[in-house]
Amino acid sequence: MCRNIRPLNNFEPPASSTEVHDAALQYVRKIAGTTKPSKANEEAFNRAVHDIAHATEHLLEALVSTGPPKDRDEERAKARARSAKRFASV
């Protein structure tokens, strides 16, 4: 799966429509194998992004979490630490 797609569930504040759209766009790009569709495929590409974003918003609304909401800044710092460890000079 795309490394750029991040978990969107159980954050405070909840994921914005922009975050959901960006995740859907990354997903469709990965599946389609292109970052920019041709003119012939543009409508299908954009419709897929819209449909997946719509389904994702419904999913996020329906999910129930028993844990405390995650903090975006804290999760971002954890991701940076993992990245620094992964790509550290040996």
PDB file of N, CA and C in Angstrom:
ATOM      1  N   MET A   1       0.847  -1.181   0.000  1.00  0.00           N
ATOM      2  CA  MET A   1       0.000   0.000   0.000  1.00  0.00           C
ATOM      3  C   MET A   1       0.893   1.244   0.000  1.00  0.00           C
ATOM      4  N   CYS A   2       0.361   2.334  -0.379  1.00  0.00           N
ATOM      5  CA  CYS A   2       1.088   3.595  -0.428  1.00  0.00           C
ATOM      6  C   CYS A   2       1.556   4.021   0.960  1.00  0.00           C
ATOM      7  N   ARG A   3       2.784   4.404   1.062  1.00  0.00           N
ATOM      8  CA  ARG A   3       3.283   4.901   2.352  1.00  0.00           C
ATOM      9  C   ARG A   3       2.699   6.265   2.685  1.00  0.00           C
ATOM     10  N   ASN A   4       2.239   6.987   1.672  1.00  0.00           N
ATOM     11  CA  ASN A   4       1.703   8.329   1.898  1.00  0.00           C
ATOM     12  C   ASN A   4       0.304   8.317   2.493  1.00  0.00           C
ATOM     13  N   ILE A   5      -0.371   7.192   2.428  1.00  0.00           N
ATOM     14  CA  ILE A   5      -1.707   7.112   2.998  1.00  0.00           C
ATOM     15  C   ILE A   5      -1.562   6.836   4.484  1.00  0.00           C
ATOM     16  N   ARG A   6      -2.080   7.717   5.284  1.00  0.00           N
ATOM     17  CA  ARG A   6      -1.959   7.627   6.738  1.00  0.00           C
ATOM     18  C   ARG A   6      -3.291   7.222   7.354  1.00  0.00           C
ATOM     19  N   PRO A   7      -3.225   6.555   8.509  1.00  0.00           N
ATOM     20  CA  PRO A   7      -4.475   6.256   9.218  1.00  0.00           C
ATOM     21  C   PRO A   7      -5.228   7.555   9.518  1.00  0.00           C
ATOM     22  N   LEU A   8      -6.532   7.524   9.353  1.00  0.00           N
ATOM     23  CA  LEU A   8      -7.353   8.717   9.568  1.00  0.00           C
ATOM     24  C   LEU A   8      -8.344   8.539  10.713  1.00  0.00           C
ATOM     25  N   ASN A   9      -8.409   7.348  11.276  1.00  0.00           N
ATOM     26  CA  ASN A   9      -9.394   7.067  12.312  1.00  0.00           C
ATOM     27  C   ASN A   9      -8.886   7.459  13.700  1.00  0.00           C
ATOM     28  N   ASN A  10      -9.812   7.903  14.531  1.00  0.00           N
ATOM     29  CA  ASN A  10      -9.572   8.178  15.951  1.00  0.00           C
ATOM     30  C   ASN A  10      -8.582   9.310  16.181  1.00  0.00           C
ATOM     31  N   PHE A  11      -8.757  10.404  15.487  1.00  0.00           N
ATOM     32  CA  PHE A  11      -7.951  11.608  15.718  1.00  0.00           C
ATOM     33  C   PHE A  11      -8.851  12.697  16.253  1.00  0.00           C
ATOM     34  N   GLU A  12      -8.263  13.570  17.002  1.00  0.00           N
ATOM     35  CA  GLU A  12      -8.978  14.736  17.511  1.00  0.00           C
ATOM     36  C   GLU A  12      -8.229  15.966  17.049  1.00  0.00           C
ATOM     37  N   PRO A  13      -8.783  16.824  16.224  1.00  0.00           N
ATOM     38  CA  PRO A  13     -10.110  16.758  15.622  1.00  0.00           C
ATOM     39  C   PRO A  13     -10.153  15.672  14.546  1.00  0.00           C
ATOM     40  N   PRO A  14     -11.353  15.236  14.176  1.00  0.00           N
ATOM     41  CA  PRO A  14     -11.491  14.181  13.164  1.00  0.00           C
ATOM     42  C   PRO A  14     -10.857  14.584  11.834  1.00  0.00           C
ATOM     43  N   ALA A  15     -10.580  13.602  11.013  1.00  0.00           N
ATOM     44  CA  ALA A  15      -9.978  13.853   9.702  1.00  0.00           C
ATOM     45  C   ALA A  15     -10.847  14.807   8.897  1.00  0.00           C
ATOM     46  N   SER A  16     -10.190  15.745   8.248  1.00  0.00           N
ATOM     47  CA  SER A  16     -10.923  16.718   7.431  1.00  0.00           C
ATOM     48  C   SER A  16     -11.246  16.114   6.064  1.00  0.00           C
ATOM     49  N   SER A  17     -12.133  16.764   5.355  1.00  0.00           N
ATOM     50  CA  SER A  17     -12.480  16.325   4.000  1.00  0.00           C
ATOM     51  C   SER A  17     -11.259  16.363   3.093  1.00  0.00           C
ATOM     52  N   THR A  18     -10.377  17.321   3.314  1.00  0.00           N
ATOM     53  CA  THR A  18      -9.151  17.422   2.520  1.00  0.00           C
ATOM     54  C   THR A  18      -8.254  16.219   2.754  1.00  0.00           C
ATOM     55  N   GLU A  19      -8.099  15.810   4.012  1.00  0.00           N
ATOM     56  CA  GLU A  19      -7.274  14.639   4.326  1.00  0.00           C
ATOM     57  C   GLU A  19      -7.862  13.380   3.692  1.00  0.00           C
ATOM     58  N   VAL A  20      -9.173  13.240   3.755  1.00  0.00           N
ATOM     59  CA  VAL A  20      -9.846  12.083   3.167  1.00  0.00           C
ATOM     60  C   VAL A  20      -9.663  12.093   1.651  1.00  0.00           C
ATOM     61  N   HIS A  21      -9.838  13.248   1.025  1.00  0.00           N
ATOM     62  CA  HIS A  21      -9.666  13.370  -0.425  1.00  0.00           C
ATOM     63  C   HIS A  21      -8.233  13.040  -0.830  1.00  0.00           C
ATOM     64  N   ASP A  22      -7.260  13.552  -0.085  1.00  0.00           N
ATOM     65  CA  ASP A  22      -5.855  13.288  -0.410  1.00  0.00           C
ATOM     66  C   ASP A  22      -5.532  11.804  -0.309  1.00  0.00           C
ATOM     67  N   ALA A  23      -6.074  11.130   0.698  1.00  0.00           N
ATOM     68  CA  ALA A  23      -5.855   9.687   0.839  1.00  0.00           C
ATOM     69  C   ALA A  23      -6.500   8.940  -0.327  1.00  0.00           C
ATOM     70  N   ALA A  24      -7.703   9.345  -0.714  1.00  0.00           N
ATOM     71  CA  ALA A  24      -8.390   8.711  -1.842  1.00  0.00           C
ATOM     72  C   ALA A  24      -7.603   8.932  -3.136  1.00  0.00           C
ATOM     73  N   LEU A  25      -7.079  10.116  -3.314  1.00  0.00           N
ATOM     74  CA  LEU A  25      -6.289  10.431  -4.501  1.00  0.00           C
ATOM     75  C   LEU A  25      -5.038   9.551  -4.561  1.00  0.00           C
ATOM     76  N   GLN A  26      -4.343   9.410  -3.435  1.00  0.00           N
ATOM     77  CA  GLN A  26      -3.154   8.554  -3.402  1.00  0.00           C
ATOM     78  C   GLN A  26      -3.515   7.116  -3.741  1.00  0.00           C
ATOM     79  N   TYR A  27      -4.626   6.642  -3.199  1.00  0.00           N
ATOM     80  CA  TYR A  27      -5.076   5.278  -3.457  1.00  0.00           C
ATOM     81  C   TYR A  27      -5.363   5.070  -4.942  1.00  0.00           C
ATOM     82  N   VAL A  28      -6.107   5.978  -5.549  1.00  0.00           N
ATOM     83  CA  VAL A  28      -6.458   5.846  -6.964  1.00  0.00           C
ATOM     84  C   VAL A  28      -5.206   5.951  -7.832  1.00  0.00           C
ATOM     85  N   ARG A  29      -4.290   6.827  -7.475  1.00  0.00           N
ATOM     86  CA  ARG A  29      -3.029   6.927  -8.220  1.00  0.00           C
ATOM     87  C   ARG A  29      -2.273   5.604  -8.183  1.00  0.00           C
ATOM     88  N   LYS A  30      -2.241   4.987  -7.016  1.00  0.00           N
ATOM     89  CA  LYS A  30      -1.534   3.714  -6.865  1.00  0.00           C
ATOM     90  C   LYS A  30      -2.199   2.637  -7.710  1.00  0.00           C
ATOM     91  N   ILE A  31      -3.506   2.526  -7.616  1.00  0.00           N
ATOM     92  CA  ILE A  31      -4.243   1.504  -8.355  1.00  0.00           C
ATOM     93  C   ILE A  31      -4.137   1.731  -9.864  1.00  0.00           C
ATOM     94  N   ALA A  32      -4.259   2.984 -10.293  1.00  0.00           N
ATOM     95  CA  ALA A  32      -4.225   3.307 -11.715  1.00  0.00           C
ATOM     96  C   ALA A  32      -2.807   3.260 -12.287  1.00  0.00           C
ATOM     97  N   GLY A  33      -1.811   3.375 -11.414  1.00  0.00           N
ATOM     98  CA  GLY A  33      -0.430   3.348 -11.881  1.00  0.00           C
ATOM     99  C   GLY A  33       0.009   4.639 -12.532  1.00  0.00           C
ATOM    100  N   THR A  34      -0.669   5.729 -12.203  1.00  0.00           N
ATOM    101  CA  THR A  34      -0.322   7.027 -12.779  1.00  0.00           C
ATOM    102  C   THR A  34      -0.659   8.144 -11.798  1.00  0.00           C
ATOM    103  N   THR A  35       0.090   9.215 -11.864  1.00  0.00           N
ATOM    104  CA  THR A  35      -0.214  10.354 -10.996  1.00  0.00           C
ATOM    105  C   THR A  35      -1.157  11.336 -11.675  1.00  0.00           C
ATOM    106  N   LYS A  36      -1.163  11.308 -13.003  1.00  0.00           N
ATOM    107  CA  LYS A  36      -2.048  12.198 -13.753  1.00  0.00           C
ATOM    108  C   LYS A  36      -2.643  11.404 -14.910  1.00  0.00           C
ATOM    109  N   PRO A  37      -3.960  11.244 -14.908  1.00  0.00           N
ATOM    110  CA  PRO A  37      -4.581  10.454 -15.972  1.00  0.00           C
ATOM    111  C   PRO A  37      -4.594  11.199 -17.305  1.00  0.00           C
ATOM    112  N   SER A  38      -4.715  10.442 -18.369  1.00  0.00           N
ATOM    113  CA  SER A  38      -4.872  11.052 -19.698  1.00  0.00           C
ATOM    114  C   SER A  38      -6.245  11.707 -19.764  1.00  0.00           C
ATOM    115  N   LYS A  39      -6.441  12.541 -20.755  1.00  0.00           N
ATOM    116  CA  LYS A  39      -7.743  13.205 -20.932  1.00  0.00           C
ATOM    117  C   LYS A  39      -8.856  12.169 -21.088  1.00  0.00           C
ATOM    118  N   ALA A  40      -8.554  11.062 -21.745  1.00  0.00           N
ATOM    119  CA  ALA A  40      -9.559  10.022 -21.967  1.00  0.00           C
ATOM    120  C   ALA A  40      -9.982   9.351 -20.657  1.00  0.00           C
ATOM    121  N   ASN A  41      -9.086   9.312 -19.682  1.00  0.00           N
ATOM    122  CA  ASN A  41      -9.369   8.632 -18.414  1.00  0.00           C
ATOM    123  C   ASN A  41      -9.642   9.586 -17.251  1.00  0.00           C
ATOM    124  N   GLU A  42      -9.551  10.877 -17.503  1.00  0.00           N
ATOM    125  CA  GLU A  42      -9.675  11.864 -16.432  1.00  0.00           C
ATOM    126  C   GLU A  42     -11.015  11.785 -15.700  1.00  0.00           C
ATOM    127  N   GLU A  43     -12.112  11.643 -16.422  1.00  0.00           N
ATOM    128  CA  GLU A  43     -13.428  11.596 -15.779  1.00  0.00           C
ATOM    129  C   GLU A  43     -13.549  10.367 -14.876  1.00  0.00           C
ATOM    130  N   ALA A  44     -13.122   9.211 -15.366  1.00  0.00           N
ATOM    131  CA  ALA A  44     -13.187   7.977 -14.561  1.00  0.00           C
ATOM    132  C   ALA A  44     -12.281   8.090 -13.340  1.00  0.00           C
ATOM    133  N   PHE A  45     -11.105   8.671 -13.514  1.00  0.00           N
ATOM    134  CA  PHE A  45     -10.149   8.855 -12.430  1.00  0.00           C
ATOM    135  C   PHE A  45     -10.750   9.747 -11.344  1.00  0.00           C
ATOM    136  N   ASN A  46     -11.281  10.899 -11.747  1.00  0.00           N
ATOM    137  CA  ASN A  46     -11.864  11.837 -10.788  1.00  0.00           C
ATOM    138  C   ASN A  46     -13.102  11.264 -10.097  1.00  0.00           C
ATOM    139  N   ARG A  47     -13.897  10.506 -10.833  1.00  0.00           N
ATOM    140  CA  ARG A  47     -15.074   9.868 -10.246  1.00  0.00           C
ATOM    141  C   ARG A  47     -14.647   8.835  -9.193  1.00  0.00           C
ATOM    142  N   ALA A  48     -13.587   8.086  -9.488  1.00  0.00           N
ATOM    143  CA  ALA A  48     -13.082   7.097  -8.537  1.00  0.00           C
ATOM    144  C   ALA A  48     -12.587   7.782  -7.266  1.00  0.00           C
ATOM    145  N   VAL A  49     -11.871   8.885  -7.402  1.00  0.00           N
ATOM    146  CA  VAL A  49     -11.394   9.628  -6.229  1.00  0.00           C
ATOM    147  C   VAL A  49     -12.590  10.093  -5.403  1.00  0.00           C
ATOM    148  N   HIS A  50     -13.603  10.645  -6.055  1.00  0.00           N
ATOM    149  CA  HIS A  50     -14.789  11.128  -5.355  1.00  0.00           C
ATOM    150  C   HIS A  50     -15.508   9.996  -4.631  1.00  0.00           C
ATOM    151  N   ASP A  51     -15.708   8.877  -5.337  1.00  0.00           N
ATOM    152  CA  ASP A  51     -16.430   7.743  -4.745  1.00  0.00           C
ATOM    153  C   ASP A  51     -15.678   7.146  -3.557  1.00  0.00           C
ATOM    154  N   ILE A  52     -14.377   7.024  -3.677  1.00  0.00           N
ATOM    155  CA  ILE A  52     -13.581   6.457  -2.587  1.00  0.00           C
ATOM    156  C   ILE A  52     -13.543   7.414  -1.405  1.00  0.00           C
ATOM    157  N   ALA A  53     -13.424   8.702  -1.655  1.00  0.00           N
ATOM    158  CA  ALA A  53     -13.446   9.683  -0.561  1.00  0.00           C
ATOM    159  C   ALA A  53     -14.795   9.632   0.157  1.00  0.00           C
ATOM    160  N   HIS A  54     -15.866   9.526  -0.607  1.00  0.00           N
ATOM    161  CA  HIS A  54     -17.213   9.458  -0.033  1.00  0.00           C
ATOM    162  C   HIS A  54     -17.354   8.216   0.848  1.00  0.00           C
ATOM    163  N   ALA A  55     -16.930   7.072   0.330  1.00  0.00           N
ATOM    164  CA  ALA A  55     -17.007   5.822   1.104  1.00  0.00           C
ATOM    165  C   ALA A  55     -16.124   5.896   2.345  1.00  0.00           C
ATOM    166  N   THR A  56     -14.974   6.520   2.229  1.00  0.00           N
ATOM    167  CA  THR A  56     -14.061   6.651   3.366  1.00  0.00           C
ATOM    168  C   THR A  56     -14.671   7.509   4.460  1.00  0.00           C
ATOM    169  N   GLU A  57     -15.323   8.605   4.095  1.00  0.00           N
ATOM    170  CA  GLU A  57     -15.970   9.450   5.090  1.00  0.00           C
ATOM    171  C   GLU A  57     -17.058   8.678   5.833  1.00  0.00           C
ATOM    172  N   HIS A  58     -17.834   7.882   5.112  1.00  0.00           N
ATOM    173  CA  HIS A  58     -18.861   7.055   5.759  1.00  0.00           C
ATOM    174  C   HIS A  58     -18.228   6.033   6.700  1.00  0.00           C
ATOM    175  N   LEU A  59     -17.146   5.431   6.262  1.00  0.00           N
ATOM    176  CA  LEU A  59     -16.445   4.462   7.100  1.00  0.00           C
ATOM    177  C   LEU A  59     -15.950   5.117   8.382  1.00  0.00           C
ATOM    178  N   LEU A  60     -15.299   6.254   8.260  1.00  0.00           N
ATOM    179  CA  LEU A  60     -14.758   6.932   9.444  1.00  0.00           C
ATOM    180  C   LEU A  60     -15.853   7.341  10.416  1.00  0.00           C
ATOM    181  N   GLU A  61     -17.017   7.737   9.879  1.00  0.00           N
ATOM    182  CA  GLU A  61     -18.145   8.098  10.741  1.00  0.00           C
ATOM    183  C   GLU A  61     -18.689   6.889  11.488  1.00  0.00           C
ATOM    184  N   ALA A  62     -18.624   5.716  10.868  1.00  0.00           N
ATOM    185  CA  ALA A  62     -19.216   4.512  11.452  1.00  0.00           C
ATOM    186  C   ALA A  62     -18.288   3.780  12.417  1.00  0.00           C
ATOM    187  N   LEU A  63     -16.981   3.976  12.283  1.00  0.00           N
ATOM    188  CA  LEU A  63     -16.039   3.259  13.137  1.00  0.00           C
ATOM    189  C   LEU A  63     -16.159   3.697  14.592  1.00  0.00           C
ATOM    190  N   VAL A  64     -16.033   2.737  15.499  1.00  0.00           N
ATOM    191  CA  VAL A  64     -16.087   3.003  16.934  1.00  0.00           C
ATOM    192  C   VAL A  64     -14.724   2.657  17.509  1.00  0.00           C
ATOM    193  N   SER A  65     -14.206   3.534  18.344  1.00  0.00           N
ATOM    194  CA  SER A  65     -12.904   3.300  18.958  1.00  0.00           C
ATOM    195  C   SER A  65     -13.028   3.430  20.461  1.00  0.00           C
ATOM    196  N   THR A  66     -12.424   2.488  21.168  1.00  0.00           N
ATOM    197  CA  THR A  66     -12.479   2.536  22.629  1.00  0.00           C
ATOM    198  C   THR A  66     -11.271   3.263  23.212  1.00  0.00           C
ATOM    199  N   GLY A  67     -10.236   3.448  22.420  1.00  0.00           N
ATOM    200  CA  GLY A  67      -9.041   4.135  22.901  1.00  0.00           C
ATOM    201  C   GLY A  67      -9.201   5.637  22.844  1.00  0.00           C
ATOM    202  N   PRO A  68      -8.324   6.340  23.540  1.00  0.00           N
ATOM    203  CA  PRO A  68      -8.380   7.806  23.495  1.00  0.00           C
ATOM    204  C   PRO A  68      -7.973   8.313  22.112  1.00  0.00           C
ATOM    205  N   PRO A  69      -8.512   9.452  21.685  1.00  0.00           N
ATOM    206  CA  PRO A  69      -8.149  10.001  20.378  1.00  0.00           C
ATOM    207  C   PRO A  69      -6.651  10.299  20.308  1.00  0.00           C
ATOM    208  N   LYS A  70      -6.085  10.093  19.117  1.00  0.00           N
ATOM    209  CA  LYS A  70      -4.662  10.346  18.905  1.00  0.00           C
ATOM    210  C   LYS A  70      -4.450  11.825  18.591  1.00  0.00           C
ATOM    211  N   ASP A  71      -3.247  12.277  18.908  1.00  0.00           N
ATOM    212  CA  ASP A  71      -2.849  13.652  18.646  1.00  0.00           C
ATOM    213  C   ASP A  71      -2.018  13.680  17.373  1.00  0.00           C
ATOM    214  N   ARG A  72      -2.377  14.535  16.417  1.00  0.00           N
ATOM    215  CA  ARG A  72      -1.673  14.579  15.131  1.00  0.00           C
ATOM    216  C   ARG A  72      -0.196  14.937  15.282  1.00  0.00           C
ATOM    217  N   ASP A  73       0.107  15.917  16.127  1.00  0.00           N
ATOM    218  CA  ASP A  73       1.503  16.328  16.307  1.00  0.00           C
ATOM    219  C   ASP A  73       2.333  15.201  16.907  1.00  0.00           C
ATOM    220  N   GLU A  74       1.762  14.496  17.853  1.00  0.00           N
ATOM    221  CA  GLU A  74       2.455  13.372  18.485  1.00  0.00           C
ATOM    222  C   GLU A  74       2.699  12.251  17.478  1.00  0.00           C
ATOM    223  N   GLU A  75       1.704  11.930  16.674  1.00  0.00           N
ATOM    224  CA  GLU A  75       1.844  10.877  15.662  1.00  0.00           C
ATOM    225  C   GLU A  75       2.859  11.291  14.600  1.00  0.00           C
ATOM    226  N   ARG A  76       2.874  12.562  14.237  1.00  0.00           N
ATOM    227  CA  ARG A  76       3.838  13.078  13.266  1.00  0.00           C
ATOM    228  C   ARG A  76       5.259  12.947  13.808  1.00  0.00           C
ATOM    229  N   ALA A  77       5.448  13.254  15.086  1.00  0.00           N
ATOM    230  CA  ALA A  77       6.769  13.133  15.707  1.00  0.00           C
ATOM    231  C   ALA A  77       7.220  11.673  15.745  1.00  0.00           C
ATOM    232  N   LYS A  78       6.310  10.757  16.044  1.00  0.00           N
ATOM    233  CA  LYS A  78       6.644   9.333  16.046  1.00  0.00           C
ATOM    234  C   LYS A  78       7.075   8.882  14.645  1.00  0.00           C
ATOM    235  N   ALA A  79       6.360   9.339  13.629  1.00  0.00           N
ATOM    236  CA  ALA A  79       6.680   8.967  12.249  1.00  0.00           C
ATOM    237  C   ALA A  79       8.054   9.502  11.853  1.00  0.00           C
ATOM    238  N   ARG A  80       8.362  10.721  12.250  1.00  0.00           N
ATOM    239  CA  ARG A  80       9.684  11.292  11.951  1.00  0.00           C
ATOM    240  C   ARG A  80      10.782  10.493  12.631  1.00  0.00           C
ATOM    241  N   ALA A  81      10.552  10.089  13.869  1.00  0.00           N
ATOM    242  CA  ALA A  81      11.538   9.296  14.604  1.00  0.00           C
ATOM    243  C   ALA A  81      11.755   7.946  13.917  1.00  0.00           C
ATOM    244  N   ARG A  82      10.674   7.299  13.485  1.00  0.00           N
ATOM    245  CA  ARG A  82      10.808   6.028  12.772  1.00  0.00           C
ATOM    246  C   ARG A  82      11.580   6.217  11.473  1.00  0.00           C
ATOM    247  N   SER A  83      11.301   7.302  10.762  1.00  0.00           N
ATOM    248  CA  SER A  83      11.977   7.577   9.505  1.00  0.00           C
ATOM    249  C   SER A  83      13.466   7.847   9.726  1.00  0.00           C
ATOM    250  N   ALA A  84      13.767   8.626  10.746  1.00  0.00           N
ATOM    251  CA  ALA A  84      15.172   8.936  11.040  1.00  0.00           C
ATOM    252  C   ALA A  84      15.923   7.654  11.384  1.00  0.00           C
ATOM    253  N   LYS A  85      15.294   6.772  12.131  1.00  0.00           N
ATOM    254  CA  LYS A  85      15.929   5.504  12.498  1.00  0.00           C
ATOM    255  C   LYS A  85      16.119   4.630  11.257  1.00  0.00           C
ATOM    256  N   ARG A  86      15.101   4.578  10.389  1.00  0.00           N
ATOM    257  CA  ARG A  86      15.142   3.739   9.205  1.00  0.00           C
ATOM    258  C   ARG A  86      16.208   4.202   8.228  1.00  0.00           C
ATOM    259  N   PHE A  87      16.369   5.524   8.068  1.00  0.00           N
ATOM    260  CA  PHE A  87      17.285   6.065   7.071  1.00  0.00           C
ATOM    261  C   PHE A  87      18.570   6.641   7.671  1.00  0.00           C
ATOM    262  N   ALA A  88      18.850   6.285   8.899  1.00  0.00           N
ATOM    263  CA  ALA A  88      20.071   6.795   9.566  1.00  0.00           C
ATOM    264  C   ALA A  88      21.306   6.234   8.870  1.00  0.00           C
ATOM    265  N   SER A  89      22.350   7.030   8.825  1.00  0.00           N
ATOM    266  CA  SER A  89      23.624   6.577   8.256  1.00  0.00           C
ATOM    267  C   SER A  89      24.236   5.535   9.170  1.00  0.00           C
ATOM    268  N   VAL A  90      24.761   4.498   8.548  1.00  0.00           N
ATOM    269  CA  VAL A  90      25.332   3.400   9.335  1.00  0.00           C
ATOM    270  C   VAL A  90      26.802   3.613   9.520  1.00  0.00           C
TER     271      VAL A  90
END
